[in-house]
Amino acid sequence: MYFTDGQINHAIYGELKGDEAVYKVLTWGAGTFEIDFSRSSSEQTVTQSTQGLLLEGLRLLDESNRDAEPNALEA
């Protein structure tokens, strides 16, 4: 992920770019990362504000987790 003025402007995760790359990272349960303040990117692949990305990503994650839970009413 690359930031400009505190906002995510570009994200890459394997073949994923932009919003989808950010959403993928939100699924991580554990891991390590490194911050390199000397790197930047002029690419603009992210279409939302950082806050919008996090809200939408967490909504998608919540829906995914909810759909994976067994339905007690069907048991």
N, C-alpha and C. Protein backbone atom coordinates (compact mmCIF):
# COMPACT_ATOMS: atom_id res chain seq x y z
N MET A 1 0.84 -1.17 0.00
CA MET A 1 0.00 0.00 0.00
C MET A 1 0.89 1.23 0.00
N TYR A 2 0.46 2.20 -0.76
CA TYR A 2 1.15 3.47 -0.84
C TYR A 2 0.21 4.57 -0.37
N PHE A 3 0.77 5.54 0.32
CA PHE A 3 -0.02 6.62 0.91
C PHE A 3 0.46 7.97 0.40
N THR A 4 -0.47 8.88 0.25
CA THR A 4 -0.17 10.28 -0.04
C THR A 4 -1.01 11.12 0.90
N ASP A 5 -0.36 11.98 1.66
CA ASP A 5 -1.06 12.84 2.63
C ASP A 5 -1.96 12.03 3.55
N GLY A 6 -1.51 10.86 3.98
CA GLY A 6 -2.25 10.04 4.93
C GLY A 6 -3.37 9.20 4.34
N GLN A 7 -3.56 9.26 3.03
CA GLN A 7 -4.62 8.49 2.38
C GLN A 7 -4.00 7.43 1.47
N ILE A 8 -4.60 6.25 1.42
CA ILE A 8 -4.12 5.21 0.51
C ILE A 8 -4.43 5.67 -0.92
N ASN A 9 -3.40 5.69 -1.76
CA ASN A 9 -3.64 6.06 -3.16
C ASN A 9 -3.39 4.90 -4.12
N HIS A 10 -2.63 3.90 -3.68
CA HIS A 10 -2.29 2.78 -4.56
C HIS A 10 -2.06 1.55 -3.68
N ALA A 11 -2.60 0.42 -4.11
CA ALA A 11 -2.41 -0.83 -3.37
C ALA A 11 -2.23 -1.98 -4.35
N ILE A 12 -1.32 -2.89 -4.01
CA ILE A 12 -1.05 -4.07 -4.82
C ILE A 12 -0.95 -5.28 -3.89
N TYR A 13 -1.59 -6.37 -4.28
CA TYR A 13 -1.48 -7.65 -3.56
C TYR A 13 -1.49 -8.73 -4.62
N GLY A 14 -0.32 -9.22 -4.99
CA GLY A 14 -0.24 -10.20 -6.07
C GLY A 14 -0.77 -9.58 -7.34
N GLU A 15 -1.78 -10.21 -7.92
CA GLU A 15 -2.40 -9.70 -9.15
C GLU A 15 -3.48 -8.65 -8.87
N LEU A 16 -3.89 -8.52 -7.61
CA LEU A 16 -4.93 -7.56 -7.26
C LEU A 16 -4.37 -6.15 -7.14
N LYS A 17 -5.16 -5.18 -7.56
CA LYS A 17 -4.77 -3.78 -7.43
C LYS A 17 -5.94 -2.98 -6.87
N GLY A 18 -5.63 -1.86 -6.27
CA GLY A 18 -6.65 -0.93 -5.81
C GLY A 18 -7.46 -1.44 -4.64
N ASP A 19 -8.75 -1.15 -4.69
CA ASP A 19 -9.65 -1.49 -3.59
C ASP A 19 -9.60 -2.98 -3.25
N GLU A 20 -9.60 -3.84 -4.27
CA GLU A 20 -9.60 -5.29 -4.04
C GLU A 20 -8.36 -5.74 -3.28
N ALA A 21 -7.22 -5.12 -3.54
CA ALA A 21 -5.99 -5.46 -2.82
C ALA A 21 -6.12 -5.09 -1.34
N VAL A 22 -6.71 -3.95 -1.06
CA VAL A 22 -6.92 -3.53 0.34
C VAL A 22 -7.87 -4.50 1.03
N TYR A 23 -8.96 -4.87 0.37
CA TYR A 23 -9.91 -5.81 0.97
C TYR A 23 -9.24 -7.14 1.28
N LYS A 24 -8.36 -7.62 0.43
CA LYS A 24 -7.65 -8.88 0.66
C LYS A 24 -6.79 -8.80 1.92
N VAL A 25 -6.10 -7.70 2.08
CA VAL A 25 -5.24 -7.53 3.27
C VAL A 25 -6.07 -7.54 4.54
N LEU A 26 -7.29 -7.04 4.49
CA LEU A 26 -8.14 -7.02 5.68
C LEU A 26 -8.52 -8.42 6.14
N THR A 27 -8.34 -9.44 5.30
CA THR A 27 -8.68 -10.81 5.70
C THR A 27 -7.55 -11.48 6.49
N TRP A 28 -6.39 -10.86 6.53
CA TRP A 28 -5.26 -11.45 7.26
C TRP A 28 -5.60 -11.58 8.73
N GLY A 29 -5.33 -12.76 9.31
CA GLY A 29 -5.53 -12.98 10.73
C GLY A 29 -4.28 -12.70 11.54
N ALA A 30 -3.12 -12.76 10.89
CA ALA A 30 -1.85 -12.52 11.55
C ALA A 30 -0.81 -12.24 10.47
N GLY A 31 0.32 -11.73 10.89
CA GLY A 31 1.38 -11.47 9.93
C GLY A 31 2.29 -10.36 10.41
N THR A 32 3.27 -10.08 9.61
CA THR A 32 4.19 -9.00 9.90
C THR A 32 4.25 -8.08 8.69
N PHE A 33 4.63 -6.86 8.92
CA PHE A 33 4.76 -5.92 7.83
C PHE A 33 5.88 -4.95 8.14
N GLU A 34 6.29 -4.24 7.13
CA GLU A 34 7.36 -3.27 7.26
C GLU A 34 6.91 -1.96 6.62
N ILE A 35 7.22 -0.87 7.26
CA ILE A 35 6.90 0.44 6.71
C ILE A 35 8.17 1.04 6.14
N ASP A 36 8.10 1.47 4.89
CA ASP A 36 9.24 2.10 4.22
C ASP A 36 8.81 3.49 3.80
N PHE A 37 9.20 4.49 4.55
CA PHE A 37 8.77 5.85 4.28
C PHE A 37 9.46 6.46 3.07
N SER A 38 10.47 5.78 2.52
CA SER A 38 11.19 6.34 1.38
C SER A 38 10.53 5.99 0.04
N ARG A 39 9.55 5.10 0.03
CA ARG A 39 8.90 4.70 -1.22
C ARG A 39 7.59 5.44 -1.40
N SER A 40 7.26 5.67 -2.65
CA SER A 40 6.00 6.32 -2.98
C SER A 40 5.55 5.84 -4.35
N SER A 41 4.31 6.13 -4.69
CA SER A 41 3.78 5.77 -5.99
C SER A 41 2.87 6.90 -6.47
N SER A 42 3.01 7.23 -7.71
CA SER A 42 2.13 8.24 -8.29
C SER A 42 0.86 7.62 -8.87
N GLU A 43 0.80 6.27 -8.88
CA GLU A 43 -0.39 5.59 -9.39
C GLU A 43 -1.58 5.83 -8.46
N GLN A 44 -2.76 5.92 -9.03
CA GLN A 44 -3.99 6.09 -8.26
C GLN A 44 -4.92 4.94 -8.62
N THR A 45 -4.78 3.80 -7.89
CA THR A 45 -5.62 2.64 -8.18
C THR A 45 -6.76 2.49 -7.19
N VAL A 46 -6.71 3.22 -6.09
CA VAL A 46 -7.75 3.17 -5.07
C VAL A 46 -8.82 4.20 -5.41
N THR A 47 -10.08 3.80 -5.32
CA THR A 47 -11.17 4.68 -5.75
C THR A 47 -11.91 5.36 -4.61
N GLN A 48 -11.59 4.98 -3.36
CA GLN A 48 -12.31 5.54 -2.22
C GLN A 48 -11.33 6.16 -1.24
N SER A 49 -11.85 6.91 -0.30
CA SER A 49 -11.01 7.42 0.79
C SER A 49 -10.57 6.24 1.65
N THR A 50 -9.55 6.44 2.44
CA THR A 50 -9.08 5.37 3.32
C THR A 50 -10.20 4.94 4.27
N GLN A 51 -10.94 5.88 4.81
CA GLN A 51 -12.06 5.55 5.70
C GLN A 51 -13.12 4.75 4.95
N GLY A 52 -13.44 5.15 3.73
CA GLY A 52 -14.43 4.43 2.94
C GLY A 52 -13.97 3.01 2.63
N LEU A 53 -12.69 2.86 2.32
CA LEU A 53 -12.13 1.52 2.05
C LEU A 53 -12.26 0.62 3.26
N LEU A 54 -11.89 1.15 4.43
CA LEU A 54 -11.96 0.34 5.65
C LEU A 54 -13.39 -0.03 6.00
N LEU A 55 -14.30 0.92 5.89
CA LEU A 55 -15.70 0.62 6.20
C LEU A 55 -16.27 -0.43 5.26
N GLU A 56 -16.02 -0.28 3.97
CA GLU A 56 -16.53 -1.26 3.00
C GLU A 56 -15.84 -2.61 3.18
N GLY A 57 -14.54 -2.60 3.39
CA GLY A 57 -13.80 -3.84 3.57
C GLY A 57 -14.25 -4.61 4.80
N LEU A 58 -14.48 -3.90 5.89
CA LEU A 58 -14.95 -4.56 7.11
C LEU A 58 -16.39 -5.05 6.96
N ARG A 59 -17.20 -4.32 6.20
CA ARG A 59 -18.57 -4.79 5.92
C ARG A 59 -18.52 -6.09 5.13
N LEU A 60 -17.67 -6.14 4.11
CA LEU A 60 -17.53 -7.36 3.31
C LEU A 60 -17.01 -8.53 4.16
N LEU A 61 -16.06 -8.25 5.02
CA LEU A 61 -15.51 -9.28 5.90
C LEU A 61 -16.57 -9.79 6.87
N ASP A 62 -17.36 -8.88 7.41
CA ASP A 62 -18.44 -9.26 8.32
C ASP A 62 -19.46 -10.14 7.61
N GLU A 63 -19.85 -9.77 6.40
CA GLU A 63 -20.79 -10.59 5.63
C GLU A 63 -20.22 -11.96 5.32
N SER A 64 -18.95 -12.01 4.98
CA SER A 64 -18.30 -13.28 4.68
C SER A 64 -18.28 -14.19 5.91
N ASN A 65 -17.96 -13.62 7.06
CA ASN A 65 -17.94 -14.40 8.30
C ASN A 65 -19.34 -14.84 8.69
N ARG A 66 -20.31 -13.97 8.49
CA ARG A 66 -21.69 -14.31 8.83
C ARG A 66 -22.20 -15.45 7.95
N ASP A 67 -21.89 -15.38 6.67
CA ASP A 67 -22.33 -16.42 5.73
C ASP A 67 -21.66 -17.77 6.01
N ALA A 68 -20.47 -17.74 6.63
CA ALA A 68 -19.75 -18.98 6.91
C ALA A 68 -20.25 -19.66 8.18
N GLU A 69 -20.97 -18.93 9.04
CA GLU A 69 -21.48 -19.51 10.28
C GLU A 69 -22.69 -20.41 10.01
N PRO A 70 -22.76 -21.55 10.71
CA PRO A 70 -23.94 -22.40 10.54
C PRO A 70 -25.17 -21.70 11.08
N ASN A 71 -26.27 -21.85 10.42
CA ASN A 71 -27.52 -21.23 10.83
C ASN A 71 -28.19 -22.11 11.87
N ALA A 72 -28.31 -21.61 13.10
CA ALA A 72 -28.90 -22.39 14.19
C ALA A 72 -30.36 -22.73 13.92
N LEU A 73 -31.06 -21.91 13.16
CA LEU A 73 -32.47 -22.18 12.89
C LEU A 73 -32.65 -23.35 11.92
N GLU A 74 -31.64 -23.61 11.09
CA GLU A 74 -31.75 -24.71 10.14
C GLU A 74 -31.38 -26.06 10.76
N ALA A 75 -30.73 -26.04 11.91
CA ALA A 75 -30.26 -27.28 12.55
C ALA A 75 -31.38 -28.06 13.18
